[in-house]
Amino acid sequence: MHHQCCKKKEAADTSDTTLASWNGWRGNGRNGRVTWLPNRLPKKTNVIWEIDLAREGLGGIAANESFVVFGDRDFDDLHDVFYCLDAKTGRSIWQVERLSIAQFDYGNSPRATPLIVDGFCYCFGATGILLCIEMRTGRVVWERDFRLDFPITEELPWGHCGSPLIADGKLIVSPGNPDAAIVALNPNSGATIWQTTGRLPGYGSHCFAKIGGRGQIIGHDNTTLGGWDVETGERLWTIEPNAPGDFNVPTPVVHGDNLIVCTRNNGTRRFSFSGGFDQPKLVTQNKRLRPDMTTPVVAGHYLYCVRDFVYCLDISSGLDELWRMRAPALSDYASLFVSADRVMIVADGEILLFATDGTKRVIDRLKIFEKRAPIYSHPAIVGRRLYVRGVSKLRCIDLGSASEN
């Protein structure tokens, strides 16, 4: 049960120049990009509303101007619970529970970020329960249980982690069954459109891009990087890493004709699709930036990422490290947002703000929780509001109050 705290302020103005939705993992383009970030952060944390949480969570937040959706567990840790809140007040609109008994490393809460599309929300739990929920009412339109439909015999120590993806009108998920490693579902009915053979899933999320005129799903399975044709599920290419054993958590980033991939054991690599869609070629590599979980953002020809330090690499000059910076709020994971002129890092209870021009300087910082602790749940930004989940609270914070914004 969630309890809304009585902390309310005037709503932040959301104009046409700000993003009106953050529909799923890393936002609408899966690239962490927003149309607005503050020039300076407020001098104090302006909490519009907050709610208490049953337990610490890992899955990210999806939101638009009306709703905020996230996954949680009940107090007994027996059920997945998906909540929808009123974005303006934090009031509970609906909750959907499903029995989901598990014993995963790092807890049993959903890892995937919900996906909001066309008035429906797709929620995915760590044991493989996928729900399509009507946003207005909380009615479950359809559901699939991967344990029954696409069973796997090997254990997933962290459970199912990949966030649902909409690509060319298909709902893409990764059961990891040998005959259904990736499946495309009809988002209206849940019916299978295609399924493709393959390996167990990785622990990250896929992205979608049209390269060489062909739409493809790009991401990791448990051991390799690949691309799959969105129309048929055909695997178009495979890259075996030089060093095995990666967890394959960070999402690949498509940047023009380039694909940027970061993993712990193989560092940061830039591949080129300049020869077509069928097999990207390795162009360059930076072996020092080796994130466990953090997905980078791209600002112009600079790449920003976090692994204990903030790293800034120059994409145009072979992923050369321009600088790295240590800060007390940094650890092995952070969530990054990027606009035309700002990079915002949500670290361990604190926000750090940088310019996108490669300058090695923290423009501003803002403490958003009283105690320093990792924030593994990716926040959402809608308009000038940040929806962020800490260890025991979910907060709606106004980022638009500084006089220079």
Protein backbone atom coordinates (compact mmCIF):
# COMPACT_ATOMS: atom_id res chain seq x y z
CA MET A 1 0.00 0.00 0.00
CA HIS A 2 1.33 3.43 -0.91
CA HIS A 3 0.72 6.49 1.22
CA GLN A 4 0.79 9.88 -0.40
CA CYS A 5 2.52 12.56 1.62
CA CYS A 6 0.83 15.91 1.91
CA LYS A 7 3.47 17.84 0.01
CA LYS A 8 2.01 19.83 -2.86
CA LYS A 9 3.07 22.97 -4.62
CA GLU A 10 2.03 24.91 -7.66
CA ALA A 11 2.44 22.77 -10.74
CA ALA A 12 5.42 23.51 -12.92
CA ASP A 13 4.53 25.03 -16.26
CA THR A 14 4.70 22.54 -19.13
CA SER A 15 4.83 24.38 -22.43
CA ASP A 16 5.03 23.11 -25.98
CA THR A 17 8.82 23.42 -25.80
CA THR A 18 9.10 20.63 -23.21
CA LEU A 19 8.64 16.90 -23.59
CA ALA A 20 5.07 15.81 -22.89
CA SER A 21 5.86 12.13 -22.34
CA TRP A 22 8.54 9.69 -21.29
CA ASN A 23 6.94 6.54 -22.63
CA GLY A 24 9.40 3.89 -21.49
CA TRP A 25 13.02 2.85 -21.08
CA ARG A 26 15.30 5.88 -21.64
CA GLY A 27 12.43 7.90 -23.11
CA ASN A 28 10.64 7.97 -26.42
CA GLY A 29 13.73 7.29 -28.55
CA ARG A 30 15.54 5.06 -26.04
CA ASN A 31 18.39 7.58 -26.17
CA GLY A 32 17.88 9.60 -22.97
CA ARG A 33 17.12 12.69 -25.05
CA VAL A 34 14.73 15.42 -23.88
CA THR A 35 13.88 18.78 -25.40
CA TRP A 36 14.50 20.65 -22.16
CA LEU A 37 16.88 20.51 -19.23
CA PRO A 38 17.42 23.42 -16.84
CA ASN A 39 20.26 25.85 -17.43
CA ARG A 40 20.76 25.80 -13.65
CA LEU A 41 19.25 23.58 -11.00
CA PRO A 42 16.99 24.96 -8.27
CA LYS A 43 18.74 26.03 -5.08
CA LYS A 44 16.64 23.59 -3.07
CA THR A 45 14.75 20.40 -3.84
CA ASN A 46 11.19 21.36 -4.77
CA VAL A 47 9.17 18.21 -4.04
CA ILE A 48 5.70 18.57 -5.57
CA TRP A 49 4.54 15.26 -4.14
CA GLU A 50 6.01 12.01 -2.86
CA ILE A 51 4.79 8.53 -1.92
CA ASP A 52 6.21 5.81 0.28
CA LEU A 53 7.24 2.55 -1.37
CA ALA A 54 6.96 -1.02 -0.16
CA ARG A 55 10.58 -1.80 -1.01
CA GLU A 56 13.54 -0.76 -3.12
CA GLY A 57 12.99 -1.21 -6.86
CA LEU A 58 15.04 -1.66 -10.00
CA GLY A 59 12.63 -1.04 -12.90
CA GLY A 60 12.36 2.43 -14.40
CA ILE A 61 9.44 4.87 -14.52
CA ALA A 62 7.20 5.70 -17.48
CA ALA A 63 5.14 8.88 -17.45
CA ASN A 64 3.18 11.43 -19.45
CA GLU A 65 1.26 14.57 -18.52
CA SER A 66 -1.50 12.49 -16.90
CA PHE A 67 -0.01 9.27 -15.56
CA VAL A 68 3.07 7.85 -13.82
CA VAL A 69 3.55 4.07 -14.04
CA PHE A 70 6.08 1.81 -12.31
CA GLY A 71 6.50 -1.73 -11.03
CA ASP A 72 6.93 -2.78 -7.41
CA ARG A 73 6.43 -5.74 -5.06
CA ASP A 74 3.97 -6.20 -2.22
CA PHE A 75 5.13 -6.19 1.40
CA ASP A 76 5.20 -10.01 1.51
CA ASP A 77 7.30 -10.14 -1.66
CA LEU A 78 4.91 -12.59 -3.31
CA HIS A 79 3.31 -10.42 -5.99
CA ASP A 80 4.39 -8.04 -8.71
CA VAL A 81 2.40 -4.83 -8.28
CA PHE A 82 2.14 -2.28 -11.08
CA TYR A 83 0.98 1.18 -10.04
CA CYS A 84 -0.49 4.06 -11.98
CA LEU A 85 -0.47 7.46 -10.26
CA ASP A 86 -1.95 10.82 -11.14
CA ALA A 87 1.02 12.77 -12.49
CA LYS A 88 -0.16 16.06 -10.98
CA THR A 89 -0.94 14.87 -7.44
CA GLY A 90 0.59 11.43 -6.91
CA ARG A 91 -2.85 10.01 -6.11
CA SER A 92 -3.25 6.31 -6.89
CA ILE A 93 -5.41 5.67 -9.97
CA TRP A 94 -5.05 1.89 -10.20
CA GLN A 95 -2.86 -1.02 -9.26
CA VAL A 96 -2.58 -4.46 -10.83
CA GLU A 97 -1.14 -7.44 -8.94
CA ARG A 98 0.05 -10.81 -10.17
CA LEU A 99 1.39 -13.70 -8.11
CA SER A 100 5.09 -13.95 -8.92
CA ILE A 101 7.17 -16.01 -6.50
CA ALA A 102 10.91 -15.89 -7.14
CA GLN A 103 14.32 -15.71 -5.51
CA PHE A 104 16.48 -13.54 -7.76
CA ASP A 105 19.73 -11.81 -6.99
CA TYR A 106 19.09 -8.16 -6.04
CA GLY A 107 15.47 -8.82 -5.10
CA ASN A 108 12.39 -9.85 -7.05
CA SER A 109 10.92 -6.53 -8.20
CA PRO A 110 10.35 -5.92 -11.93
CA ARG A 111 13.50 -4.86 -13.77
CA ALA A 112 11.79 -3.67 -16.94
CA THR A 113 10.47 -0.15 -17.43
CA PRO A 114 6.75 -0.06 -18.36
CA LEU A 115 5.87 1.11 -21.88
CA ILE A 116 3.01 3.57 -22.50
CA VAL A 117 1.63 3.53 -26.06
CA ASP A 118 -1.73 4.69 -27.46
CA GLY A 119 -3.64 4.60 -24.18
CA PHE A 120 -2.23 1.26 -23.03
CA CYS A 121 0.62 0.29 -20.75
CA TYR A 122 2.77 -2.82 -21.17
CA CYS A 123 4.23 -4.06 -17.88
CA PHE A 124 6.74 -6.89 -17.60
CA GLY A 125 7.80 -8.67 -14.42
CA ALA A 126 11.08 -10.42 -13.69
CA THR A 127 9.49 -13.89 -13.76
CA GLY A 128 8.16 -13.30 -17.28
CA ILE A 129 4.59 -12.10 -16.77
CA LEU A 130 3.66 -9.55 -19.46
CA LEU A 131 0.50 -7.44 -19.07
CA CYS A 132 -1.31 -5.05 -21.37
CA ILE A 133 -3.27 -2.62 -19.18
CA GLU A 134 -5.72 0.08 -20.23
CA MET A 135 -4.33 3.34 -18.86
CA ARG A 136 -7.61 5.03 -17.94
CA THR A 137 -9.14 2.13 -16.04
CA GLY A 138 -6.44 -0.34 -15.03
CA ARG A 139 -8.28 -3.12 -16.90
CA VAL A 140 -5.99 -5.94 -18.02
CA VAL A 141 -6.66 -6.31 -21.75
CA TRP A 142 -4.43 -9.36 -22.23
CA GLU A 143 -1.52 -11.13 -20.58
CA ARG A 144 1.18 -13.66 -21.42
CA ASP A 145 3.19 -15.78 -18.99
CA PHE A 146 6.57 -16.67 -20.50
CA ARG A 147 7.01 -19.51 -18.02
CA LEU A 148 4.09 -21.25 -19.75
CA ASP A 149 4.31 -19.90 -23.31
CA PHE A 150 8.09 -19.76 -23.79
CA PRO A 151 9.68 -21.81 -20.97
CA ILE A 152 13.43 -21.95 -20.46
CA THR A 153 15.30 -24.62 -18.51
CA GLU A 154 18.31 -22.54 -17.50
CA GLU A 155 18.13 -20.09 -14.60
CA LEU A 156 18.21 -16.34 -15.04
CA PRO A 157 19.88 -15.11 -11.82
CA TRP A 158 18.50 -11.59 -12.30
CA GLY A 159 15.26 -12.62 -13.99
CA HIS A 160 13.85 -11.06 -17.14
CA CYS A 161 15.24 -7.53 -17.46
CA GLY A 162 14.55 -6.28 -20.99
CA SER A 163 11.94 -3.52 -21.30
CA PRO A 164 9.14 -4.03 -23.87
CA LEU A 165 9.75 -2.21 -27.16
CA ILE A 166 7.35 -1.00 -29.85
CA ALA A 167 8.92 -1.26 -33.31
CA ASP A 168 6.96 -0.77 -36.54
CA GLY A 169 3.71 -1.46 -34.72
CA LYS A 170 4.94 -4.67 -33.09
CA LEU A 171 5.55 -5.30 -29.40
CA ILE A 172 9.04 -6.79 -29.05
CA VAL A 173 10.06 -8.87 -26.03
CA SER A 174 12.83 -11.41 -25.33
CA PRO A 175 11.69 -14.64 -23.65
CA GLY A 176 15.02 -16.38 -24.32
CA ASN A 177 13.43 -19.69 -25.31
CA PRO A 178 15.55 -21.61 -27.87
CA ASP A 179 12.66 -21.39 -30.35
CA ALA A 180 11.49 -17.96 -29.20
CA ALA A 181 14.54 -15.98 -28.17
CA ILE A 182 12.83 -12.81 -29.41
CA VAL A 183 9.14 -12.56 -30.23
CA ALA A 184 6.96 -9.92 -31.87
CA LEU A 185 3.45 -9.64 -30.48
CA ASN A 186 0.33 -7.88 -31.66
CA PRO A 187 0.09 -5.03 -29.11
CA ASN A 188 -3.72 -5.09 -29.25
CA SER A 189 -4.22 -8.81 -28.61
CA GLY A 190 -0.92 -10.26 -27.43
CA ALA A 191 -0.98 -12.78 -30.29
CA THR A 192 2.41 -13.88 -31.62
CA ILE A 193 3.33 -12.35 -35.00
CA TRP A 194 6.72 -14.02 -35.28
CA GLN A 195 9.30 -15.70 -33.10
CA THR A 196 12.93 -16.41 -33.80
CA THR A 197 15.39 -18.99 -32.57
CA GLY A 198 18.35 -17.97 -30.46
CA ARG A 199 19.95 -17.78 -27.05
CA LEU A 200 19.01 -16.79 -23.52
CA PRO A 201 18.30 -13.08 -23.06
CA GLY A 202 20.88 -10.56 -21.94
CA TYR A 203 20.18 -8.33 -18.97
CA GLY A 204 19.59 -5.15 -20.96
CA SER A 205 17.00 -3.72 -23.35
CA HIS A 206 16.92 -3.60 -27.13
CA CYS A 207 16.56 -0.54 -29.34
CA PHE A 208 15.16 -0.06 -32.85
CA ALA A 209 16.65 1.70 -35.86
CA LYS A 210 16.24 1.87 -39.62
CA ILE A 211 19.64 1.28 -41.17
CA GLY A 212 20.18 0.98 -44.89
CA GLY A 213 16.44 1.25 -45.36
CA ARG A 214 15.78 -1.83 -43.24
CA GLY A 215 14.24 -1.71 -39.76
CA GLN A 216 16.09 -3.78 -37.22
CA ILE A 217 15.98 -4.59 -33.53
CA ILE A 218 19.44 -4.18 -32.02
CA GLY A 219 20.68 -5.53 -28.73
CA HIS A 220 22.30 -8.34 -26.78
CA ASP A 221 21.42 -11.88 -25.99
CA ASN A 222 23.34 -13.50 -23.15
CA THR A 223 26.61 -13.77 -25.11
CA THR A 224 26.46 -11.80 -28.37
CA LEU A 225 25.38 -8.53 -29.97
CA GLY A 226 22.98 -8.71 -32.89
CA GLY A 227 20.41 -7.21 -35.20
CA TRP A 228 17.07 -8.75 -36.14
CA ASP A 229 14.76 -7.83 -39.02
CA VAL A 230 11.66 -6.22 -37.55
CA GLU A 231 9.34 -7.69 -40.20
CA THR A 232 10.38 -11.33 -39.96
CA GLY A 233 12.64 -11.80 -36.93
CA GLU A 234 15.49 -12.97 -39.16
CA ARG A 235 18.85 -12.45 -37.52
CA LEU A 236 20.79 -10.10 -39.78
CA TRP A 237 24.18 -10.07 -38.08
CA THR A 238 26.07 -11.29 -35.02
CA ILE A 239 29.10 -9.94 -33.20
CA GLU A 240 30.98 -12.18 -30.80
CA PRO A 241 32.87 -10.14 -28.17
CA ASN A 242 36.60 -10.59 -27.75
CA ALA A 243 36.27 -11.05 -23.99
CA PRO A 244 33.47 -13.36 -22.81
CA GLY A 245 31.38 -13.12 -19.68
CA ASP A 246 29.68 -9.73 -20.12
CA PHE A 247 26.34 -9.20 -18.38
CA ASN A 248 25.21 -7.16 -21.41
CA VAL A 249 23.21 -4.60 -19.46
CA PRO A 250 23.77 -1.20 -21.21
CA THR A 251 21.57 -0.55 -24.24
CA PRO A 252 23.39 0.00 -27.56
CA VAL A 253 23.18 3.58 -28.83
CA VAL A 254 22.54 4.30 -32.52
CA HIS A 255 24.23 7.51 -33.65
CA GLY A 256 23.80 8.19 -37.35
CA ASP A 257 25.44 5.30 -39.19
CA ASN A 258 27.28 4.31 -36.02
CA LEU A 259 26.46 1.92 -33.22
CA ILE A 260 28.06 2.60 -29.82
CA VAL A 261 28.22 -0.34 -27.44
CA CYS A 262 29.47 -0.32 -23.83
CA THR A 263 30.02 -3.39 -21.67
CA ARG A 264 32.10 -4.23 -18.64
CA ASN A 265 34.52 -6.75 -20.16
CA ASN A 266 34.88 -5.26 -23.65
CA GLY A 267 34.87 -1.53 -23.00
CA THR A 268 33.28 1.02 -25.32
CA ARG A 269 33.22 0.29 -29.06
CA ARG A 270 32.04 2.17 -32.12
CA PHE A 271 30.76 0.14 -35.05
CA SER A 272 29.90 1.55 -38.47
CA PHE A 273 26.97 0.60 -40.71
CA SER A 274 28.36 2.67 -43.58
CA GLY A 275 28.57 -0.44 -45.79
CA GLY A 276 24.90 -1.37 -45.30
CA PHE A 277 22.65 -3.00 -42.75
CA ASP A 278 24.05 -6.53 -42.70
CA GLN A 279 27.24 -6.43 -40.61
CA PRO A 280 28.54 -3.43 -38.67
CA LYS A 281 32.32 -3.04 -38.71
CA LEU A 282 34.38 -2.19 -35.64
CA VAL A 283 35.88 1.28 -36.10
CA THR A 284 37.47 2.06 -32.77
CA GLN A 285 37.49 1.10 -29.11
CA ASN A 286 38.08 2.68 -25.70
CA LYS A 287 39.09 0.03 -23.19
CA ARG A 288 38.99 2.29 -20.14
CA LEU A 289 35.26 3.11 -20.10
CA ARG A 290 33.77 -0.22 -19.04
CA PRO A 291 30.35 0.34 -17.44
CA ASP A 292 28.59 -2.46 -15.60
CA MET A 293 25.10 -1.08 -16.18
CA THR A 294 25.07 2.57 -17.26
CA THR A 295 23.97 3.38 -20.80
CA PRO A 296 25.72 6.47 -22.25
CA VAL A 297 24.19 9.50 -23.94
CA VAL A 298 25.48 11.28 -27.03
CA ALA A 299 25.67 15.08 -27.32
CA GLY A 300 27.01 16.15 -30.71
CA HIS A 301 30.31 14.33 -31.07
CA TYR A 302 30.71 13.80 -27.32
CA LEU A 303 29.75 10.69 -25.39
CA TYR A 304 29.00 10.91 -21.66
CA CYS A 305 28.83 7.90 -19.35
CA VAL A 306 29.37 6.90 -15.71
CA ARG A 307 31.38 4.13 -14.10
CA ASP A 308 32.60 5.47 -10.74
CA PHE A 309 33.68 8.58 -12.71
CA VAL A 310 31.91 10.77 -15.26
CA TYR A 311 33.57 10.07 -18.60
CA CYS A 312 33.54 12.32 -21.65
CA LEU A 313 34.76 10.72 -24.89
CA ASP A 314 35.20 12.28 -28.32
CA ILE A 315 33.31 10.17 -30.86
CA SER A 316 34.86 12.01 -33.81
CA SER A 317 38.45 11.21 -32.82
CA GLY A 318 38.35 7.50 -32.09
CA LEU A 319 36.55 7.53 -28.72
CA ASP A 320 39.48 9.35 -27.16
CA GLU A 321 38.95 10.19 -23.52
CA LEU A 322 38.69 13.96 -23.17
CA TRP A 323 38.37 13.76 -19.41
CA ARG A 324 36.98 11.90 -16.47
CA MET A 325 35.83 13.33 -13.17
CA ARG A 326 35.20 11.88 -9.76
CA ALA A 327 32.38 13.10 -7.53
CA PRO A 328 31.09 11.83 -4.15
CA ALA A 329 27.66 10.97 -5.61
CA LEU A 330 29.05 8.66 -8.29
CA SER A 331 29.24 4.88 -8.13
CA ASP A 332 28.88 2.08 -10.67
CA TYR A 333 25.47 3.23 -12.00
CA ALA A 334 23.74 6.46 -12.94
CA SER A 335 20.92 7.56 -15.26
CA LEU A 336 21.77 10.16 -17.91
CA PHE A 337 19.60 12.68 -19.76
CA VAL A 338 20.69 14.94 -22.61
CA SER A 339 19.23 18.04 -24.27
CA ALA A 340 20.73 20.38 -26.85
CA ASP A 341 22.90 22.14 -24.27
CA ARG A 342 22.86 20.11 -21.06
CA VAL A 343 23.70 16.64 -19.74
CA MET A 344 21.99 15.73 -16.48
CA ILE A 345 23.21 12.81 -14.38
CA VAL A 346 21.00 11.31 -11.68
CA ALA A 347 23.52 9.65 -9.38
CA ASP A 348 23.40 8.38 -5.79
CA GLY A 349 20.76 10.72 -4.38
CA GLU A 350 22.08 13.75 -6.24
CA ILE A 351 21.81 15.40 -9.66
CA LEU A 352 24.87 16.68 -11.52
CA LEU A 353 24.52 19.10 -14.45
CA PHE A 354 27.05 19.51 -17.28
CA ALA A 355 27.22 21.41 -20.58
CA THR A 356 27.15 19.39 -23.80
CA ASP A 357 30.24 21.11 -25.24
CA GLY A 358 32.74 18.80 -23.59
CA THR A 359 33.67 21.20 -20.78
CA LYS A 360 35.00 19.49 -17.67
CA ARG A 361 32.91 21.33 -15.12
CA VAL A 362 29.88 20.60 -12.97
CA ILE A 363 27.54 23.51 -13.69
CA ASP A 364 25.27 22.71 -10.78
CA ARG A 365 24.25 19.97 -8.39
CA LEU A 366 21.11 19.24 -6.40
CA LYS A 367 20.55 16.75 -3.60
CA ILE A 368 17.23 14.96 -4.24
CA PHE A 369 17.26 12.47 -1.37
CA GLU A 370 18.50 12.95 2.18
CA LYS A 371 20.70 9.85 2.26
CA ARG A 372 23.21 8.84 -0.36
CA ALA A 373 22.16 5.55 -1.99
CA PRO A 374 22.25 4.18 -5.54
CA ILE A 375 19.20 4.93 -7.69
CA TYR A 376 18.90 1.89 -9.96
CA SER A 377 15.42 2.79 -11.23
CA HIS A 378 15.72 5.06 -14.29
CA PRO A 379 13.80 8.31 -13.62
CA ALA A 380 11.42 10.00 -16.07
CA ILE A 381 11.23 13.63 -17.17
CA VAL A 382 7.96 15.12 -18.40
CA GLY A 383 7.87 18.84 -18.98
CA ARG A 384 9.86 20.26 -16.08
CA ARG A 385 9.06 17.50 -13.65
CA LEU A 386 11.44 14.74 -12.67
CA TYR A 387 9.85 11.51 -11.40
CA VAL A 388 12.53 9.68 -9.45
CA ARG A 389 12.53 6.60 -7.24
CA GLY A 390 14.77 6.31 -4.21
CA VAL A 391 15.18 3.51 -1.70
CA SER A 392 11.84 4.08 0.05
CA LYS A 393 10.12 6.96 -1.77
CA LEU A 394 9.05 8.02 -5.24
CA ARG A 395 9.22 11.79 -5.69
CA CYS A 396 7.94 14.29 -8.21
CA ILE A 397 10.45 17.15 -8.29
CA ASP A 398 10.12 20.50 -10.03
CA LEU A 399 13.31 21.24 -11.96
CA GLY A 400 12.07 24.52 -13.40
CA SER A 401 12.29 26.83 -10.41
CA ALA A 402 15.75 28.35 -10.77
CA SER A 403 15.57 31.97 -11.84
CA GLU A 404 17.93 31.39 -14.76
CA ASN A 405 15.83 28.66 -16.37
